[in-house]
């Protein structure tokens, strides 16, 4: 463990390797998150300005919770988040559903290609063994 300065308040704290803020700021952040989550539970179609006004939580924090995927606003709510790949408007997270699907497909294709390459290696080895057996 090491000493670090809190990114929010600047106080020194014992860094545990996972949180970049002190325990007090972390607790405050979690309390604000719960406030936003409870507000959205009671007002599911609230817009971002309504959530800010109704909770007193800064817009930047609410956008952070949306980016992290911890909360989401109703579909069609304009909040200013954009997909990091294509720039499409999104209501939470970092990428849109279309890009997520394309990314998933690309990963699957890469995995399949890797399997085929390893199968080729096995086949080549088996062929070599068969060739050696035939020579004996």
N, C-alpha and C. Protein backbone atom coordinates (compact mmCIF):
# COMPACT_ATOMS: atom_id res chain seq x y z
N UNK A 1 0.84 -1.18 0.00
CA UNK A 1 0.00 0.00 0.00
C UNK A 1 0.88 1.24 0.00
N UNK A 2 0.35 2.31 -0.58
CA UNK A 2 1.11 3.54 -0.67
C UNK A 2 0.20 4.73 -0.38
N UNK A 3 0.80 5.86 -0.10
CA UNK A 3 0.06 7.09 0.14
C UNK A 3 -0.17 7.79 -1.19
N UNK A 4 -1.40 8.28 -1.39
CA UNK A 4 -1.74 9.04 -2.59
C UNK A 4 -2.61 10.21 -2.19
N UNK A 5 -2.69 11.18 -3.08
CA UNK A 5 -3.61 12.29 -2.88
C UNK A 5 -4.94 11.94 -3.54
N UNK A 6 -6.02 12.26 -2.84
CA UNK A 6 -7.36 12.02 -3.37
C UNK A 6 -7.57 12.90 -4.60
N UNK A 7 -8.12 12.33 -5.66
CA UNK A 7 -8.36 13.08 -6.90
C UNK A 7 -9.49 14.09 -6.76
N UNK A 8 -10.31 13.95 -5.71
CA UNK A 8 -11.42 14.89 -5.54
C UNK A 8 -11.10 15.99 -4.53
N UNK A 9 -10.61 15.62 -3.35
CA UNK A 9 -10.41 16.62 -2.30
C UNK A 9 -8.94 16.96 -2.05
N UNK A 10 -8.02 16.13 -2.55
CA UNK A 10 -6.60 16.39 -2.40
C UNK A 10 -5.97 15.85 -1.12
N UNK A 11 -6.77 15.30 -0.20
CA UNK A 11 -6.22 14.76 1.04
C UNK A 11 -5.39 13.51 0.77
N UNK A 12 -4.41 13.28 1.64
CA UNK A 12 -3.62 12.04 1.57
C UNK A 12 -4.46 10.89 2.11
N UNK A 13 -4.33 9.74 1.47
CA UNK A 13 -5.00 8.54 1.95
C UNK A 13 -4.17 7.33 1.58
N UNK A 14 -4.47 6.23 2.23
CA UNK A 14 -3.76 4.98 1.98
C UNK A 14 -4.39 4.30 0.78
N UNK A 15 -3.67 4.28 -0.34
CA UNK A 15 -4.16 3.73 -1.60
C UNK A 15 -4.16 2.21 -1.53
N UNK A 16 -5.32 1.59 -1.84
CA UNK A 16 -5.43 0.13 -1.76
C UNK A 16 -5.34 -0.55 -3.13
N UNK A 17 -5.07 0.23 -4.16
CA UNK A 17 -4.91 -0.35 -5.48
C UNK A 17 -6.16 -0.31 -6.34
N UNK A 18 -7.30 0.12 -5.77
CA UNK A 18 -8.52 0.12 -6.58
C UNK A 18 -9.22 1.46 -6.64
N UNK A 19 -9.19 2.24 -5.58
CA UNK A 19 -9.91 3.50 -5.55
C UNK A 19 -8.92 4.66 -5.67
N UNK A 20 -9.25 5.64 -6.51
CA UNK A 20 -8.36 6.79 -6.67
C UNK A 20 -8.80 7.96 -5.82
N UNK A 21 -9.78 7.72 -4.94
CA UNK A 21 -10.25 8.75 -4.03
C UNK A 21 -10.20 8.23 -2.60
N UNK A 22 -10.19 9.17 -1.65
CA UNK A 22 -10.13 8.78 -0.24
C UNK A 22 -11.45 8.13 0.18
N UNK A 23 -11.45 7.43 1.31
CA UNK A 23 -12.68 6.76 1.77
C UNK A 23 -13.85 7.72 1.97
N UNK A 24 -13.59 8.95 2.43
CA UNK A 24 -14.67 9.91 2.63
C UNK A 24 -15.31 10.31 1.29
N UNK A 25 -14.48 10.59 0.30
CA UNK A 25 -15.01 10.97 -1.02
C UNK A 25 -15.71 9.79 -1.69
N UNK A 26 -15.16 8.59 -1.47
CA UNK A 26 -15.80 7.39 -2.02
C UNK A 26 -17.19 7.21 -1.42
N UNK A 27 -17.30 7.38 -0.10
CA UNK A 27 -18.59 7.23 0.57
C UNK A 27 -19.57 8.30 0.08
N UNK A 28 -19.08 9.53 -0.11
CA UNK A 28 -19.94 10.62 -0.61
C UNK A 28 -20.42 10.29 -2.03
N UNK A 29 -19.51 9.78 -2.85
CA UNK A 29 -19.85 9.43 -4.23
C UNK A 29 -20.90 8.33 -4.26
N UNK A 30 -20.75 7.33 -3.40
CA UNK A 30 -21.72 6.24 -3.34
C UNK A 30 -23.09 6.74 -2.86
N UNK A 31 -23.08 7.69 -1.92
CA UNK A 31 -24.33 8.27 -1.44
C UNK A 31 -25.02 9.04 -2.56
N UNK A 32 -24.24 9.80 -3.33
CA UNK A 32 -24.81 10.55 -4.46
C UNK A 32 -25.35 9.58 -5.52
N UNK A 33 -24.61 8.48 -5.76
CA UNK A 33 -25.10 7.48 -6.71
C UNK A 33 -26.44 6.92 -6.27
N UNK A 34 -26.54 6.57 -4.98
CA UNK A 34 -27.80 6.03 -4.45
C UNK A 34 -28.93 7.04 -4.60
N UNK A 35 -28.63 8.32 -4.38
CA UNK A 35 -29.63 9.38 -4.54
C UNK A 35 -30.13 9.42 -5.98
N UNK A 36 -29.21 9.37 -6.94
CA UNK A 36 -29.58 9.40 -8.35
C UNK A 36 -30.37 8.15 -8.72
N UNK A 37 -29.88 7.00 -8.28
CA UNK A 37 -30.56 5.73 -8.58
C UNK A 37 -31.99 5.73 -8.04
N UNK A 38 -32.17 6.18 -6.81
CA UNK A 38 -33.51 6.23 -6.20
C UNK A 38 -34.41 7.23 -6.92
N UNK A 39 -33.84 8.37 -7.33
CA UNK A 39 -34.62 9.36 -8.07
C UNK A 39 -35.11 8.77 -9.39
N UNK A 40 -34.20 8.07 -10.09
CA UNK A 40 -34.59 7.46 -11.37
C UNK A 40 -35.60 6.33 -11.18
N UNK A 41 -35.55 5.66 -10.05
CA UNK A 41 -36.53 4.62 -9.75
C UNK A 41 -37.93 5.23 -9.64
N UNK A 42 -37.99 6.41 -8.98
CA UNK A 42 -39.27 7.10 -8.79
C UNK A 42 -39.69 7.90 -10.02
N UNK A 43 -38.73 8.32 -10.85
CA UNK A 43 -38.99 9.15 -12.03
C UNK A 43 -38.27 8.54 -13.24
N UNK A 44 -38.74 7.40 -13.74
CA UNK A 44 -37.99 6.68 -14.78
C UNK A 44 -37.84 7.43 -16.11
N UNK A 45 -38.69 8.38 -16.40
CA UNK A 45 -38.60 9.09 -17.68
C UNK A 45 -37.97 10.48 -17.53
N UNK A 46 -37.28 10.70 -16.41
CA UNK A 46 -36.67 12.00 -16.15
C UNK A 46 -35.53 12.26 -17.12
N UNK A 47 -35.40 13.51 -17.54
CA UNK A 47 -34.28 13.92 -18.39
C UNK A 47 -33.09 14.24 -17.50
N UNK A 48 -31.94 14.42 -18.11
CA UNK A 48 -30.73 14.73 -17.35
C UNK A 48 -30.89 16.01 -16.53
N UNK A 49 -31.38 17.11 -17.11
CA UNK A 49 -31.57 18.32 -16.29
C UNK A 49 -32.53 18.10 -15.12
N UNK A 50 -33.56 17.29 -15.32
CA UNK A 50 -34.50 17.00 -14.24
C UNK A 50 -33.82 16.20 -13.13
N UNK A 51 -32.96 15.27 -13.50
CA UNK A 51 -32.24 14.46 -12.50
C UNK A 51 -31.30 15.36 -11.71
N UNK A 52 -30.60 16.26 -12.40
CA UNK A 52 -29.69 17.19 -11.72
C UNK A 52 -30.47 18.04 -10.73
N UNK A 53 -31.58 18.60 -11.19
CA UNK A 53 -32.39 19.47 -10.35
C UNK A 53 -33.02 18.70 -9.19
N UNK A 54 -33.50 17.50 -9.45
CA UNK A 54 -34.18 16.72 -8.43
C UNK A 54 -33.28 16.10 -7.39
N UNK A 55 -31.99 15.92 -7.72
CA UNK A 55 -31.07 15.26 -6.78
C UNK A 55 -30.03 16.19 -6.19
N UNK A 56 -29.71 17.26 -6.90
CA UNK A 56 -28.64 18.14 -6.46
C UNK A 56 -27.26 17.60 -6.79
N UNK A 57 -27.20 16.50 -7.52
CA UNK A 57 -25.92 15.89 -7.93
C UNK A 57 -25.48 16.56 -9.23
N UNK A 58 -24.19 16.87 -9.32
CA UNK A 58 -23.66 17.54 -10.50
C UNK A 58 -23.84 16.69 -11.76
N UNK A 59 -24.06 17.37 -12.87
CA UNK A 59 -24.26 16.70 -14.17
C UNK A 59 -23.07 15.81 -14.52
N UNK A 60 -21.85 16.26 -14.23
CA UNK A 60 -20.65 15.48 -14.55
C UNK A 60 -20.67 14.12 -13.86
N UNK A 61 -21.12 14.11 -12.59
CA UNK A 61 -21.18 12.84 -11.86
C UNK A 61 -22.23 11.92 -12.45
N UNK A 62 -23.37 12.48 -12.82
CA UNK A 62 -24.43 11.66 -13.40
C UNK A 62 -23.96 11.08 -14.74
N UNK A 63 -23.27 11.90 -15.54
CA UNK A 63 -22.71 11.41 -16.81
C UNK A 63 -21.68 10.31 -16.56
N UNK A 64 -20.90 10.44 -15.49
CA UNK A 64 -19.92 9.40 -15.13
C UNK A 64 -20.64 8.09 -14.82
N UNK A 65 -21.73 8.16 -14.04
CA UNK A 65 -22.49 6.95 -13.72
C UNK A 65 -23.08 6.33 -14.98
N UNK A 66 -23.52 7.18 -15.91
CA UNK A 66 -24.06 6.68 -17.18
C UNK A 66 -22.97 6.00 -18.00
N UNK A 67 -21.79 6.63 -18.08
CA UNK A 67 -20.66 6.05 -18.83
C UNK A 67 -20.23 4.72 -18.25
N UNK A 68 -20.26 4.62 -16.93
CA UNK A 68 -19.87 3.38 -16.27
C UNK A 68 -20.94 2.30 -16.43
N UNK A 69 -22.12 2.69 -16.91
CA UNK A 69 -23.21 1.73 -17.07
C UNK A 69 -23.91 1.40 -15.77
N UNK A 70 -23.68 2.19 -14.74
CA UNK A 70 -24.31 1.94 -13.44
C UNK A 70 -25.78 2.35 -13.43
N UNK A 71 -26.13 3.33 -14.26
CA UNK A 71 -27.52 3.78 -14.40
C UNK A 71 -27.78 4.01 -15.87
N UNK A 72 -29.05 4.13 -16.23
CA UNK A 72 -29.40 4.52 -17.59
C UNK A 72 -30.67 5.36 -17.54
N UNK A 73 -30.81 6.23 -18.50
CA UNK A 73 -32.01 7.04 -18.62
C UNK A 73 -32.93 6.38 -19.64
N UNK A 74 -34.18 6.80 -19.66
CA UNK A 74 -35.16 6.22 -20.57
C UNK A 74 -34.70 6.40 -22.02
N UNK A 75 -35.04 5.42 -22.86
CA UNK A 75 -34.69 5.51 -24.28
C UNK A 75 -35.25 6.79 -24.87
N UNK A 76 -34.48 7.42 -25.74
CA UNK A 76 -34.91 8.64 -26.40
C UNK A 76 -34.57 9.89 -25.61
N UNK A 77 -34.00 9.76 -24.42
CA UNK A 77 -33.63 10.92 -23.62
C UNK A 77 -32.31 11.46 -24.15
N UNK A 78 -32.31 12.74 -24.51
CA UNK A 78 -31.09 13.38 -25.01
C UNK A 78 -30.19 13.75 -23.84
N UNK A 79 -29.02 13.14 -23.78
CA UNK A 79 -28.12 13.43 -22.67
C UNK A 79 -26.73 13.81 -23.13
N UNK A 80 -26.43 13.69 -24.39
CA UNK A 80 -25.14 14.11 -24.88
C UNK A 80 -24.06 13.05 -24.88
N UNK A 81 -24.40 11.81 -24.52
CA UNK A 81 -23.40 10.74 -24.61
C UNK A 81 -23.34 10.23 -26.04
N UNK A 82 -22.13 9.95 -26.50
CA UNK A 82 -21.93 9.43 -27.85
C UNK A 82 -21.11 8.15 -27.80
N UNK A 83 -21.39 7.26 -28.74
CA UNK A 83 -20.62 6.03 -28.89
C UNK A 83 -19.17 6.40 -29.19
N UNK A 84 -18.24 5.76 -28.50
CA UNK A 84 -16.82 6.07 -28.70
C UNK A 84 -16.30 5.60 -30.06
N UNK A 85 -17.03 4.71 -30.74
CA UNK A 85 -16.60 4.23 -32.05
C UNK A 85 -17.23 5.01 -33.20
N UNK A 86 -18.56 5.11 -33.20
CA UNK A 86 -19.23 5.70 -34.36
C UNK A 86 -19.85 7.07 -34.10
N UNK A 87 -19.94 7.49 -32.84
CA UNK A 87 -20.49 8.80 -32.52
C UNK A 87 -22.00 8.85 -32.40
N UNK A 88 -22.67 7.70 -32.49
CA UNK A 88 -24.14 7.67 -32.36
C UNK A 88 -24.54 8.06 -30.94
N UNK A 89 -25.71 8.67 -30.80
CA UNK A 89 -26.24 9.03 -29.49
C UNK A 89 -26.59 7.76 -28.72
N UNK A 90 -26.16 7.69 -27.45
CA UNK A 90 -26.46 6.55 -26.59
C UNK A 90 -26.99 7.05 -25.26
N UNK A 91 -27.70 6.18 -24.53
CA UNK A 91 -28.28 6.59 -23.25
C UNK A 91 -27.47 6.12 -22.05
N UNK A 92 -26.49 5.25 -22.26
CA UNK A 92 -25.60 4.81 -21.18
C UNK A 92 -24.43 4.06 -21.79
N UNK A 93 -23.39 3.86 -20.99
CA UNK A 93 -22.23 3.10 -21.44
C UNK A 93 -21.28 3.90 -22.31
N UNK A 94 -20.45 3.18 -23.05
CA UNK A 94 -19.43 3.81 -23.88
C UNK A 94 -19.62 3.56 -25.37
N UNK A 95 -20.31 2.46 -25.72
CA UNK A 95 -20.53 2.17 -27.14
C UNK A 95 -21.99 1.79 -27.39
N UNK A 96 -22.43 2.00 -28.60
CA UNK A 96 -23.82 1.70 -28.96
C UNK A 96 -23.98 0.19 -29.18
N UNK A 97 -25.23 -0.24 -29.25
CA UNK A 97 -25.52 -1.66 -29.42
C UNK A 97 -24.96 -2.19 -30.75
N UNK A 98 -25.03 -1.39 -31.79
CA UNK A 98 -24.53 -1.81 -33.10
C UNK A 98 -23.02 -2.06 -33.07
N UNK A 99 -22.28 -1.15 -32.47
CA UNK A 99 -20.83 -1.31 -32.37
C UNK A 99 -20.46 -2.45 -31.41
N UNK A 100 -21.25 -2.61 -30.36
CA UNK A 100 -21.00 -3.72 -29.42
C UNK A 100 -21.15 -5.05 -30.14
N UNK A 101 -22.18 -5.16 -30.98
CA UNK A 101 -22.41 -6.39 -31.74
C UNK A 101 -21.27 -6.63 -32.73
N UNK A 102 -20.84 -5.56 -33.41
CA UNK A 102 -19.74 -5.69 -34.37
C UNK A 102 -18.45 -6.10 -33.65
N UNK A 103 -18.23 -5.54 -32.48
CA UNK A 103 -17.05 -5.89 -31.69
C UNK A 103 -17.10 -7.34 -31.26
N UNK A 104 -18.27 -7.77 -30.81
CA UNK A 104 -18.45 -9.16 -30.39
C UNK A 104 -18.21 -10.12 -31.56
N UNK A 105 -18.74 -9.78 -32.72
CA UNK A 105 -18.55 -10.61 -33.91
C UNK A 105 -17.07 -10.69 -34.28
N UNK A 106 -16.38 -9.56 -34.21
CA UNK A 106 -14.95 -9.53 -34.52
C UNK A 106 -14.15 -10.39 -33.57
N UNK A 107 -14.51 -10.35 -32.29
CA UNK A 107 -13.81 -11.17 -31.30
C UNK A 107 -14.06 -12.64 -31.56
N UNK A 108 -15.31 -12.98 -31.91
CA UNK A 108 -15.64 -14.38 -32.20
C UNK A 108 -14.87 -14.86 -33.43
N UNK A 109 -14.80 -14.02 -34.46
CA UNK A 109 -14.06 -14.40 -35.67
C UNK A 109 -12.59 -14.60 -35.35
N UNK A 110 -12.03 -13.72 -34.53
CA UNK A 110 -10.62 -13.85 -34.16
C UNK A 110 -10.39 -15.15 -33.38
N UNK A 111 -11.32 -15.48 -32.50
CA UNK A 111 -11.22 -16.73 -31.74
C UNK A 111 -11.31 -17.93 -32.64
N UNK A 112 -12.22 -17.89 -33.61
CA UNK A 112 -12.36 -19.00 -34.56
C UNK A 112 -11.11 -19.16 -35.41
N UNK A 113 -10.51 -18.04 -35.82
CA UNK A 113 -9.30 -18.09 -36.64
C UNK A 113 -8.16 -18.71 -35.83
N UNK A 114 -8.09 -18.34 -34.55
CA UNK A 114 -7.05 -18.89 -33.69
C UNK A 114 -7.22 -20.40 -33.52
N UNK A 115 -8.48 -20.84 -33.36
CA UNK A 115 -8.75 -22.28 -33.25
C UNK A 115 -8.33 -23.00 -34.52
N UNK A 116 -8.67 -22.42 -35.68
CA UNK A 116 -8.30 -23.04 -36.95
C UNK A 116 -6.79 -23.13 -37.09
N UNK A 117 -6.07 -22.08 -36.66
CA UNK A 117 -4.62 -22.09 -36.76
C UNK A 117 -4.04 -23.19 -35.86
N UNK A 118 -4.61 -23.33 -34.64
CA UNK A 118 -4.09 -24.37 -33.76
C UNK A 118 -4.43 -25.75 -34.30
N UNK A 119 -5.58 -25.89 -34.96
CA UNK A 119 -5.94 -27.16 -35.58
C UNK A 119 -4.98 -27.50 -36.73
N UNK A 120 -4.59 -26.47 -37.47
CA UNK A 120 -3.63 -26.70 -38.56
C UNK A 120 -2.31 -27.20 -38.00
N UNK A 121 -1.89 -26.62 -36.89
CA UNK A 121 -0.66 -27.07 -36.26
C UNK A 121 -0.75 -28.51 -35.83
N UNK A 122 -1.88 -28.90 -35.28
CA UNK A 122 -2.08 -30.28 -34.85
C UNK A 122 -2.08 -31.21 -36.06
N UNK A 123 -2.77 -30.77 -37.10
CA UNK A 123 -2.83 -31.60 -38.31
C UNK A 123 -1.44 -31.78 -38.89
N UNK A 124 -0.66 -30.71 -38.91
CA UNK A 124 0.69 -30.80 -39.43
C UNK A 124 1.54 -31.75 -38.60
N UNK A 125 1.37 -31.70 -37.30
CA UNK A 125 2.13 -32.59 -36.43
C UNK A 125 1.70 -34.03 -36.65
N UNK A 126 0.41 -34.26 -36.77
CA UNK A 126 -0.09 -35.61 -37.00
C UNK A 126 0.41 -36.13 -38.34
N UNK A 127 0.43 -35.26 -39.34
CA UNK A 127 0.90 -35.67 -40.66
C UNK A 127 2.37 -36.07 -40.58
N UNK A 128 3.14 -35.29 -39.84
CA UNK A 128 4.56 -35.60 -39.70
C UNK A 128 4.74 -36.93 -38.98
N UNK A 129 3.97 -37.15 -37.93
CA UNK A 129 4.06 -38.42 -37.21
C UNK A 129 3.69 -39.58 -38.12
N UNK A 130 2.64 -39.40 -38.91
CA UNK A 130 2.22 -40.44 -39.83
C UNK A 130 3.31 -40.71 -40.86
N UNK A 131 3.94 -39.63 -41.33
CA UNK A 131 5.02 -39.80 -42.29
C UNK A 131 6.17 -40.59 -41.66
N UNK A 132 6.50 -40.26 -40.40
CA UNK A 132 7.58 -40.96 -39.72
C UNK A 132 7.25 -42.42 -39.52
N UNK A 133 5.99 -42.70 -39.17
CA UNK A 133 5.57 -44.09 -38.98
C UNK A 133 5.68 -44.86 -40.28
N UNK A 134 5.36 -44.22 -41.38
CA UNK A 134 5.42 -44.89 -42.68
C UNK A 134 6.83 -45.19 -43.10
N UNK A 135 7.81 -44.46 -42.63
CA UNK A 135 9.21 -44.66 -42.99
C UNK A 135 9.86 -45.75 -42.17
N UNK A 136 9.32 -46.10 -41.04
CA UNK A 136 9.93 -47.11 -40.18
C UNK A 136 9.64 -48.50 -40.65
